[in-house]
Amino acid sequence: MKILSLDTTADVCSATICDDTRLIAEMTVNTGNTHSQTLLPVVEQILKISETELDEIELFACSTGPGSFTGVRIGVATIKGLAYGKNKTCVSVSTLDALAYNLKGYSGVLCPVMNARRNQVYNALFESDGLNIKRLCSDRALSIDDLDEELSDLDKPIFLCGDGYSITEKGFKKTKIGVVPERSRLQSAYSVACCALEKYKLGEVLTDAQIVPIYLRPSQAERERNERLGLN
């Protein structure tokens, strides 16, 4: 099954084409340019270099959050547009599931963290034996201090990944973390594709109309509006 997958939930823009889990083409851009500038050219390039027609894609997948509100919206809108009118299957993947998949070969507690601002991170915890990954909690937003306290009670190796890696590592006072290479910390559309294939096999599929962004809390604009109106 040919899969086109995207991840634009943080600064990195990543796109891949896979045949099941076999990687055919991948491009990752981390230049600071906005995804509205880079994403479509990246998709066009991987289709071209892999000699793949868009109509050959059988499954469209993207990270639908949590992450940057703008980035999540761009990724979802692009997948909806690419799949529109083709009667093709779409799969929504949690950014945190895909990040945990980056560390599948590690044994211990996998702790993806996305920068949620205000000294908070978007997070979920996973346990891995080096082959299989088990989710330990749902996606959530919490303070770095609270995450530090929770992890400090675990007598297992802890591995961080995600765009919140640096702020989380600096903010931890009690928790020691294992070394993770920078490449494995970044969002990866290949990991999105692998997670999407697993969800497809379980029947967790959507249409292009049904795939939507998943936010764990209101955007900054919504929060500021609510504060002005005294709704918080």
C-alpha atoms as a PDB file:
ATOM      1  CA  MET A   1       0.000   0.000   0.000  1.00  0.00           C
ATOM      2  CA  LYS A   2       1.431   3.358  -1.013  1.00  0.00           C
ATOM      3  CA  ILE A   3       1.205   5.943   1.751  1.00  0.00           C
ATOM      4  CA  LEU A   4       1.783   9.683   1.578  1.00  0.00           C
ATOM      5  CA  SER A   5       2.353  11.119   5.043  1.00  0.00           C
ATOM      6  CA  LEU A   6       3.050  14.569   6.465  1.00  0.00           C
ATOM      7  CA  ASP A   7       4.129  16.136   9.730  1.00  0.00           C
ATOM      8  CA  THR A   8       4.025  19.927  10.122  1.00  0.00           C
ATOM      9  CA  THR A   9       3.190  20.114  13.816  1.00  0.00           C
ATOM     10  CA  ALA A  10       6.403  21.991  14.770  1.00  0.00           C
ATOM     11  CA  ASP A  11       9.209  23.838  12.975  1.00  0.00           C
ATOM     12  CA  VAL A  12      10.161  20.765  10.954  1.00  0.00           C
ATOM     13  CA  CYS A  13       8.313  20.088   7.705  1.00  0.00           C
ATOM     14  CA  SER A  14       8.470  16.389   6.867  1.00  0.00           C
ATOM     15  CA  ALA A  15       6.895  14.343   4.062  1.00  0.00           C
ATOM     16  CA  THR A  16       7.341  10.748   2.948  1.00  0.00           C
ATOM     17  CA  ILE A  17       6.079   8.218   0.470  1.00  0.00           C
ATOM     18  CA  CYS A  18       6.129   4.622   1.688  1.00  0.00           C
ATOM     19  CA  ASP A  19       5.045   1.234   0.409  1.00  0.00           C
ATOM     20  CA  ASP A  20       3.682  -0.142   3.680  1.00  0.00           C
ATOM     21  CA  THR A  21       6.703   0.429   5.954  1.00  0.00           C
ATOM     22  CA  ARG A  22       9.264   0.470   3.116  1.00  0.00           C
ATOM     23  CA  LEU A  23      10.499   4.021   2.712  1.00  0.00           C
ATOM     24  CA  ILE A  24      10.448   5.181  -0.915  1.00  0.00           C
ATOM     25  CA  ALA A  25      11.090   8.914  -0.595  1.00  0.00           C
ATOM     26  CA  GLU A  26      11.522  11.305   2.310  1.00  0.00           C
ATOM     27  CA  MET A  27      12.205  15.012   2.666  1.00  0.00           C
ATOM     28  CA  THR A  28      12.635  16.957   5.894  1.00  0.00           C
ATOM     29  CA  VAL A  29      13.062  20.736   5.926  1.00  0.00           C
ATOM     30  CA  ASN A  30      14.071  22.621   9.056  1.00  0.00           C
ATOM     31  CA  THR A  31      14.949  26.061   7.712  1.00  0.00           C
ATOM     32  CA  GLY A  32      12.556  28.254   9.667  1.00  0.00           C
ATOM     33  CA  ASN A  33      10.445  28.946   6.592  1.00  0.00           C
ATOM     34  CA  THR A  34       6.706  28.680   7.095  1.00  0.00           C
ATOM     35  CA  HIS A  35       5.012  25.438   6.127  1.00  0.00           C
ATOM     36  CA  SER A  36       2.743  27.372   3.781  1.00  0.00           C
ATOM     37  CA  GLN A  37       5.901  28.087   1.738  1.00  0.00           C
ATOM     38  CA  THR A  38       7.615  24.713   1.948  1.00  0.00           C
ATOM     39  CA  LEU A  39       5.053  21.920   2.270  1.00  0.00           C
ATOM     40  CA  LEU A  40       3.575  21.725  -1.243  1.00  0.00           C
ATOM     41  CA  PRO A  41       6.993  22.047  -2.963  1.00  0.00           C
ATOM     42  CA  VAL A  42       8.264  19.253  -0.698  1.00  0.00           C
ATOM     43  CA  VAL A  43       5.313  17.014  -1.590  1.00  0.00           C
ATOM     44  CA  GLU A  44       5.745  17.760  -5.293  1.00  0.00           C
ATOM     45  CA  GLN A  45       9.454  16.941  -5.060  1.00  0.00           C
ATOM     46  CA  ILE A  46       9.067  13.549  -3.388  1.00  0.00           C
ATOM     47  CA  LEU A  47       6.350  12.582  -5.871  1.00  0.00           C
ATOM     48  CA  LYS A  48       8.644  13.589  -8.726  1.00  0.00           C
ATOM     49  CA  ILE A  49      11.838  11.898  -7.536  1.00  0.00           C
ATOM     50  CA  SER A  50       9.985   8.687  -6.654  1.00  0.00           C
ATOM     51  CA  GLU A  51       8.137   8.744 -10.006  1.00  0.00           C
ATOM     52  CA  THR A  52       4.858   8.410  -8.145  1.00  0.00           C
ATOM     53  CA  GLU A  53       1.560   9.797  -9.421  1.00  0.00           C
ATOM     54  CA  LEU A  54      -0.769  11.225  -6.816  1.00  0.00           C
ATOM     55  CA  ASP A  55      -3.487   8.838  -7.997  1.00  0.00           C
ATOM     56  CA  GLU A  56      -1.219   5.921  -7.004  1.00  0.00           C
ATOM     57  CA  ILE A  57      -1.381   6.946  -3.332  1.00  0.00           C
ATOM     58  CA  GLU A  58      -3.766   4.635  -1.490  1.00  0.00           C
ATOM     59  CA  LEU A  59      -3.530   6.094   2.016  1.00  0.00           C
ATOM     60  CA  PHE A  60      -3.122   9.739   3.055  1.00  0.00           C
ATOM     61  CA  ALA A  61      -1.907  10.396   6.597  1.00  0.00           C
ATOM     62  CA  CYS A  62      -0.760  13.289   8.729  1.00  0.00           C
ATOM     63  CA  SER A  63      -0.072  14.279  12.309  1.00  0.00           C
ATOM     64  CA  THR A  64      -3.198  16.081  13.460  1.00  0.00           C
ATOM     65  CA  GLY A  65      -1.850  17.407  16.765  1.00  0.00           C
ATOM     66  CA  PRO A  66      -0.990  18.351  19.344  1.00  0.00           C
ATOM     67  CA  GLY A  67       1.512  20.961  18.251  1.00  0.00           C
ATOM     68  CA  SER A  68       1.682  24.376  16.645  1.00  0.00           C
ATOM     69  CA  PHE A  69      -1.862  25.496  15.877  1.00  0.00           C
ATOM     70  CA  THR A  70      -0.852  26.939  12.510  1.00  0.00           C
ATOM     71  CA  GLY A  71       1.353  23.989  11.626  1.00  0.00           C
ATOM     72  CA  VAL A  72      -1.335  21.442  12.473  1.00  0.00           C
ATOM     73  CA  ARG A  73      -3.913  23.305  10.383  1.00  0.00           C
ATOM     74  CA  ILE A  74      -1.597  23.498   7.364  1.00  0.00           C
ATOM     75  CA  GLY A  75      -0.813  19.780   7.460  1.00  0.00           C
ATOM     76  CA  VAL A  76      -4.448  18.750   7.816  1.00  0.00           C
ATOM     77  CA  ALA A  77      -5.629  21.177   5.131  1.00  0.00           C
ATOM     78  CA  THR A  78      -2.969  19.879   2.724  1.00  0.00           C
ATOM     79  CA  ILE A  79      -3.908  16.236   3.255  1.00  0.00           C
ATOM     80  CA  LYS A  80      -7.595  17.086   2.828  1.00  0.00           C
ATOM     81  CA  GLY A  81      -6.792  18.888  -0.414  1.00  0.00           C
ATOM     82  CA  LEU A  82      -4.581  16.106  -1.790  1.00  0.00           C
ATOM     83  CA  ALA A  83      -7.155  13.430  -0.983  1.00  0.00           C
ATOM     84  CA  TYR A  84     -10.216  15.480  -1.982  1.00  0.00           C
ATOM     85  CA  GLY A  85     -12.488  13.826  -4.515  1.00  0.00           C
ATOM     86  CA  LYS A  86     -10.310  10.734  -4.884  1.00  0.00           C
ATOM     87  CA  ASN A  87     -12.331   8.447  -2.589  1.00  0.00           C
ATOM     88  CA  LYS A  88      -9.093   7.528  -0.819  1.00  0.00           C
ATOM     89  CA  THR A  89      -8.569   6.566   2.807  1.00  0.00           C
ATOM     90  CA  CYS A  90      -7.152   9.044   5.331  1.00  0.00           C
ATOM     91  CA  VAL A  91      -5.683   8.374   8.770  1.00  0.00           C
ATOM     92  CA  SER A  92      -5.213  10.817  11.633  1.00  0.00           C
ATOM     93  CA  VAL A  93      -2.096  10.232  13.766  1.00  0.00           C
ATOM     94  CA  SER A  94      -1.309  11.822  17.114  1.00  0.00           C
ATOM     95  CA  THR A  95       1.963  13.740  16.956  1.00  0.00           C
ATOM     96  CA  LEU A  96       2.935  12.050  20.215  1.00  0.00           C
ATOM     97  CA  ASP A  97       2.329   8.548  18.828  1.00  0.00           C
ATOM     98  CA  ALA A  98       4.557   9.329  15.859  1.00  0.00           C
ATOM     99  CA  LEU A  99       7.291  10.783  18.068  1.00  0.00           C
ATOM    100  CA  ALA A 100       7.217   7.715  20.300  1.00  0.00           C
ATOM    101  CA  TYR A 101       7.634   5.568  17.188  1.00  0.00           C
ATOM    102  CA  ASN A 102      10.902   7.448  16.519  1.00  0.00           C
ATOM    103  CA  LEU A 103      12.261   5.739  19.641  1.00  0.00           C
ATOM    104  CA  LYS A 104      10.812   2.281  19.046  1.00  0.00           C
ATOM    105  CA  GLY A 105      14.192   0.580  19.428  1.00  0.00           C
ATOM    106  CA  TYR A 106      14.772   2.052  22.890  1.00  0.00           C
ATOM    107  CA  SER A 107      13.898   0.166  26.086  1.00  0.00           C
ATOM    108  CA  GLY A 108      12.307   2.219  28.839  1.00  0.00           C
ATOM    109  CA  VAL A 109       9.793   5.038  29.112  1.00  0.00           C
ATOM    110  CA  LEU A 110       9.377   7.100  25.951  1.00  0.00           C
ATOM    111  CA  CYS A 111       8.401  10.674  26.688  1.00  0.00           C
ATOM    112  CA  PRO A 112       7.563  12.812  23.640  1.00  0.00           C
ATOM    113  CA  VAL A 113       7.194  16.495  24.521  1.00  0.00           C
ATOM    114  CA  MET A 114       5.880  19.315  22.327  1.00  0.00           C
ATOM    115  CA  ASN A 115       6.425  22.909  23.377  1.00  0.00           C
ATOM    116  CA  ALA A 116       3.033  24.240  24.537  1.00  0.00           C
ATOM    117  CA  ARG A 117       4.452  27.595  25.793  1.00  0.00           C
ATOM    118  CA  ARG A 118       3.923  29.009  29.300  1.00  0.00           C
ATOM    119  CA  ASN A 119       6.348  26.401  30.710  1.00  0.00           C
ATOM    120  CA  GLN A 120       4.027  23.611  29.567  1.00  0.00           C
ATOM    121  CA  VAL A 121       4.384  20.718  27.153  1.00  0.00           C
ATOM    122  CA  TYR A 122       2.029  18.492  25.248  1.00  0.00           C
ATOM    123  CA  ASN A 123       2.906  14.990  26.342  1.00  0.00           C
ATOM    124  CA  ALA A 124       2.011  11.322  26.555  1.00  0.00           C
ATOM    125  CA  LEU A 125       4.008   8.487  28.093  1.00  0.00           C
ATOM    126  CA  PHE A 126       4.818   5.184  26.412  1.00  0.00           C
ATOM    127  CA  GLU A 127       6.697   2.080  27.506  1.00  0.00           C
ATOM    128  CA  SER A 128       8.935   0.190  25.100  1.00  0.00           C
ATOM    129  CA  ASP A 129      10.781  -3.112  25.366  1.00  0.00           C
ATOM    130  CA  GLY A 130      12.806  -2.301  22.281  1.00  0.00           C
ATOM    131  CA  LEU A 131      10.303  -4.015  19.981  1.00  0.00           C
ATOM    132  CA  ASN A 132       6.823  -3.056  21.095  1.00  0.00           C
ATOM    133  CA  ILE A 133       5.397   0.221  22.374  1.00  0.00           C
ATOM    134  CA  LYS A 134       2.597   0.477  24.928  1.00  0.00           C
ATOM    135  CA  ARG A 135       0.799   3.757  25.584  1.00  0.00           C
ATOM    136  CA  LEU A 136       0.595   4.601  29.300  1.00  0.00           C
ATOM    137  CA  CYS A 137      -1.645   7.687  29.243  1.00  0.00           C
ATOM    138  CA  SER A 138      -3.678   9.883  26.920  1.00  0.00           C
ATOM    139  CA  ASP A 139      -2.385  13.014  25.212  1.00  0.00           C
ATOM    140  CA  ARG A 140      -2.313  15.902  27.672  1.00  0.00           C
ATOM    141  CA  ALA A 141      -0.921  19.366  28.403  1.00  0.00           C
ATOM    142  CA  LEU A 142       0.939  19.777  31.681  1.00  0.00           C
ATOM    143  CA  SER A 143       3.678  21.827  33.273  1.00  0.00           C
ATOM    144  CA  ILE A 144       7.301  20.736  32.981  1.00  0.00           C
ATOM    145  CA  ASP A 145       7.491  20.725  36.794  1.00  0.00           C
ATOM    146  CA  ASP A 146       4.557  18.286  37.017  1.00  0.00           C
ATOM    147  CA  LEU A 147       6.089  16.033  34.379  1.00  0.00           C
ATOM    148  CA  ASP A 148       9.415  16.107  36.212  1.00  0.00           C
ATOM    149  CA  GLU A 149       7.691  15.071  39.435  1.00  0.00           C
ATOM    150  CA  GLU A 150       5.811  12.230  37.730  1.00  0.00           C
ATOM    151  CA  LEU A 151       8.836  10.799  35.940  1.00  0.00           C
ATOM    152  CA  SER A 152      11.123  11.051  38.967  1.00  0.00           C
ATOM    153  CA  ASP A 153       9.098   8.266  40.612  1.00  0.00           C
ATOM    154  CA  LEU A 154       9.760   5.823  37.754  1.00  0.00           C
ATOM    155  CA  ASP A 155      12.658   3.417  38.139  1.00  0.00           C
ATOM    156  CA  LYS A 156      13.218   3.040  34.383  1.00  0.00           C
ATOM    157  CA  PRO A 157      15.310   4.772  31.720  1.00  0.00           C
ATOM    158  CA  ILE A 158      13.561   7.910  30.414  1.00  0.00           C
ATOM    159  CA  PHE A 159      13.951   9.092  26.813  1.00  0.00           C
ATOM    160  CA  LEU A 160      12.689  12.450  25.542  1.00  0.00           C
ATOM    161  CA  CYS A 161      11.928  13.526  21.983  1.00  0.00           C
ATOM    162  CA  GLY A 162       9.991  16.303  20.270  1.00  0.00           C
ATOM    163  CA  ASP A 163      10.413  20.042  19.837  1.00  0.00           C
ATOM    164  CA  GLY A 164      10.043  20.495  23.601  1.00  0.00           C
ATOM    165  CA  TYR A 165      13.206  18.445  24.239  1.00  0.00           C
ATOM    166  CA  SER A 166      15.508  21.330  25.146  1.00  0.00           C
ATOM    167  CA  ILE A 167      13.148  23.258  27.407  1.00  0.00           C
ATOM    168  CA  THR A 168      12.092  20.058  29.145  1.00  0.00           C
ATOM    169  CA  GLU A 169      15.652  18.857  29.687  1.00  0.00           C
ATOM    170  CA  LYS A 170      16.606  22.258  31.120  1.00  0.00           C
ATOM    171  CA  GLY A 171      13.479  22.381  33.290  1.00  0.00           C
ATOM    172  CA  PHE A 172      13.940  18.943  34.862  1.00  0.00           C
ATOM    173  CA  LYS A 173      15.361  19.068  38.375  1.00  0.00           C
ATOM    174  CA  LYS A 174      14.716  15.480  39.516  1.00  0.00           C
ATOM    175  CA  THR A 175      14.534  13.328  36.390  1.00  0.00           C
ATOM    176  CA  LYS A 176      17.582  11.979  34.583  1.00  0.00           C
ATOM    177  CA  ILE A 177      17.117  11.297  30.883  1.00  0.00           C
ATOM    178  CA  GLY A 178      18.891   9.033  28.415  1.00  0.00           C
ATOM    179  CA  VAL A 179      20.746  10.320  25.375  1.00  0.00           C
ATOM    180  CA  VAL A 180      18.686  10.654  22.191  1.00  0.00           C
ATOM    181  CA  PRO A 181      20.349  11.788  18.919  1.00  0.00           C
ATOM    182  CA  GLU A 182      18.931  15.020  17.533  1.00  0.00           C
ATOM    183  CA  ARG A 183      17.556  13.343  14.397  1.00  0.00           C
ATOM    184  CA  SER A 184      15.419  11.033  16.529  1.00  0.00           C
ATOM    185  CA  ARG A 185      14.016  13.984  18.468  1.00  0.00           C
ATOM    186  CA  LEU A 186      12.498  15.614  15.382  1.00  0.00           C
ATOM    187  CA  GLN A 187       9.059  15.026  13.918  1.00  0.00           C
ATOM    188  CA  SER A 188       9.172  12.383  11.181  1.00  0.00           C
ATOM    189  CA  ALA A 189       6.604  11.746   8.465  1.00  0.00           C
ATOM    190  CA  TYR A 190       8.008   8.213   8.175  1.00  0.00           C
ATOM    191  CA  SER A 191       6.933   7.525  11.758  1.00  0.00           C
ATOM    192  CA  VAL A 192       3.533   9.018  10.880  1.00  0.00           C
ATOM    193  CA  ALA A 193       3.248   6.571   7.976  1.00  0.00           C
ATOM    194  CA  CYS A 194       4.130   3.572  10.170  1.00  0.00           C
ATOM    195  CA  CYS A 195       1.593   4.593  12.828  1.00  0.00           C
ATOM    196  CA  ALA A 196      -1.017   5.237  10.134  1.00  0.00           C
ATOM    197  CA  LEU A 197      -0.522   1.762   8.687  1.00  0.00           C
ATOM    198  CA  GLU A 198      -1.099   0.219  12.116  1.00  0.00           C
ATOM    199  CA  LYS A 199      -4.297   2.250  12.544  1.00  0.00           C
ATOM    200  CA  TYR A 200      -5.440   1.303   9.023  1.00  0.00           C
ATOM    201  CA  LYS A 201      -5.086  -2.384   9.889  1.00  0.00           C
ATOM    202  CA  LEU A 202      -7.288  -1.776  12.945  1.00  0.00           C
ATOM    203  CA  GLY A 203      -9.921  -0.070  10.801  1.00  0.00           C
ATOM    204  CA  GLU A 204      -9.290   3.370  12.309  1.00  0.00           C
ATOM    205  CA  VAL A 205      -9.744   5.254   9.051  1.00  0.00           C
ATOM    206  CA  LEU A 206     -11.387   8.496   7.931  1.00  0.00           C
ATOM    207  CA  THR A 207     -12.515  10.268   4.799  1.00  0.00           C
ATOM    208  CA  ASP A 208     -10.888  13.499   3.627  1.00  0.00           C
ATOM    209  CA  ALA A 209     -13.886  15.360   5.096  1.00  0.00           C
ATOM    210  CA  GLN A 210     -13.518  13.694   8.501  1.00  0.00           C
ATOM    211  CA  ILE A 211      -9.829  14.308   9.187  1.00  0.00           C
ATOM    212  CA  VAL A 212      -9.523  17.387  11.409  1.00  0.00           C
ATOM    213  CA  PRO A 213      -6.963  19.061  13.702  1.00  0.00           C
ATOM    214  CA  ILE A 214      -6.832  17.851  17.309  1.00  0.00           C
ATOM    215  CA  TYR A 215      -6.130  20.589  19.859  1.00  0.00           C
ATOM    216  CA  LEU A 216      -5.621  19.952  23.572  1.00  0.00           C
ATOM    217  CA  ARG A 217      -6.329  23.532  24.586  1.00  0.00           C
ATOM    218  CA  PRO A 218      -7.554  26.794  23.017  1.00  0.00           C
ATOM    219  CA  SER A 219      -5.198  28.778  20.798  1.00  0.00           C
ATOM    220  CA  GLN A 220      -3.398  31.850  22.138  1.00  0.00           C
ATOM    221  CA  ALA A 221      -5.869  34.107  20.312  1.00  0.00           C
ATOM    222  CA  GLU A 222      -8.799  32.281  21.906  1.00  0.00           C
ATOM    223  CA  ARG A 223      -7.203  32.434  25.353  1.00  0.00           C
ATOM    224  CA  GLU A 224      -6.546  36.164  25.035  1.00  0.00           C
ATOM    225  CA  ARG A 225     -10.094  36.764  23.843  1.00  0.00           C
ATOM    226  CA  ASN A 226     -11.501  34.789  26.766  1.00  0.00           C
ATOM    227  CA  GLU A 227      -9.296  36.764  29.172  1.00  0.00           C
ATOM    228  CA  ARG A 228     -10.602  40.048  27.767  1.00  0.00           C
ATOM    229  CA  LEU A 229     -14.161  38.811  28.151  1.00  0.00           C
ATOM    230  CA  GLY A 230     -13.503  37.456  31.659  1.00  0.00           C
ATOM    231  CA  LEU A 231     -14.368  33.907  30.592  1.00  0.00           C
ATOM    232  CA  ASN A 232     -11.269  32.197  32.055  1.00  0.00           C
END
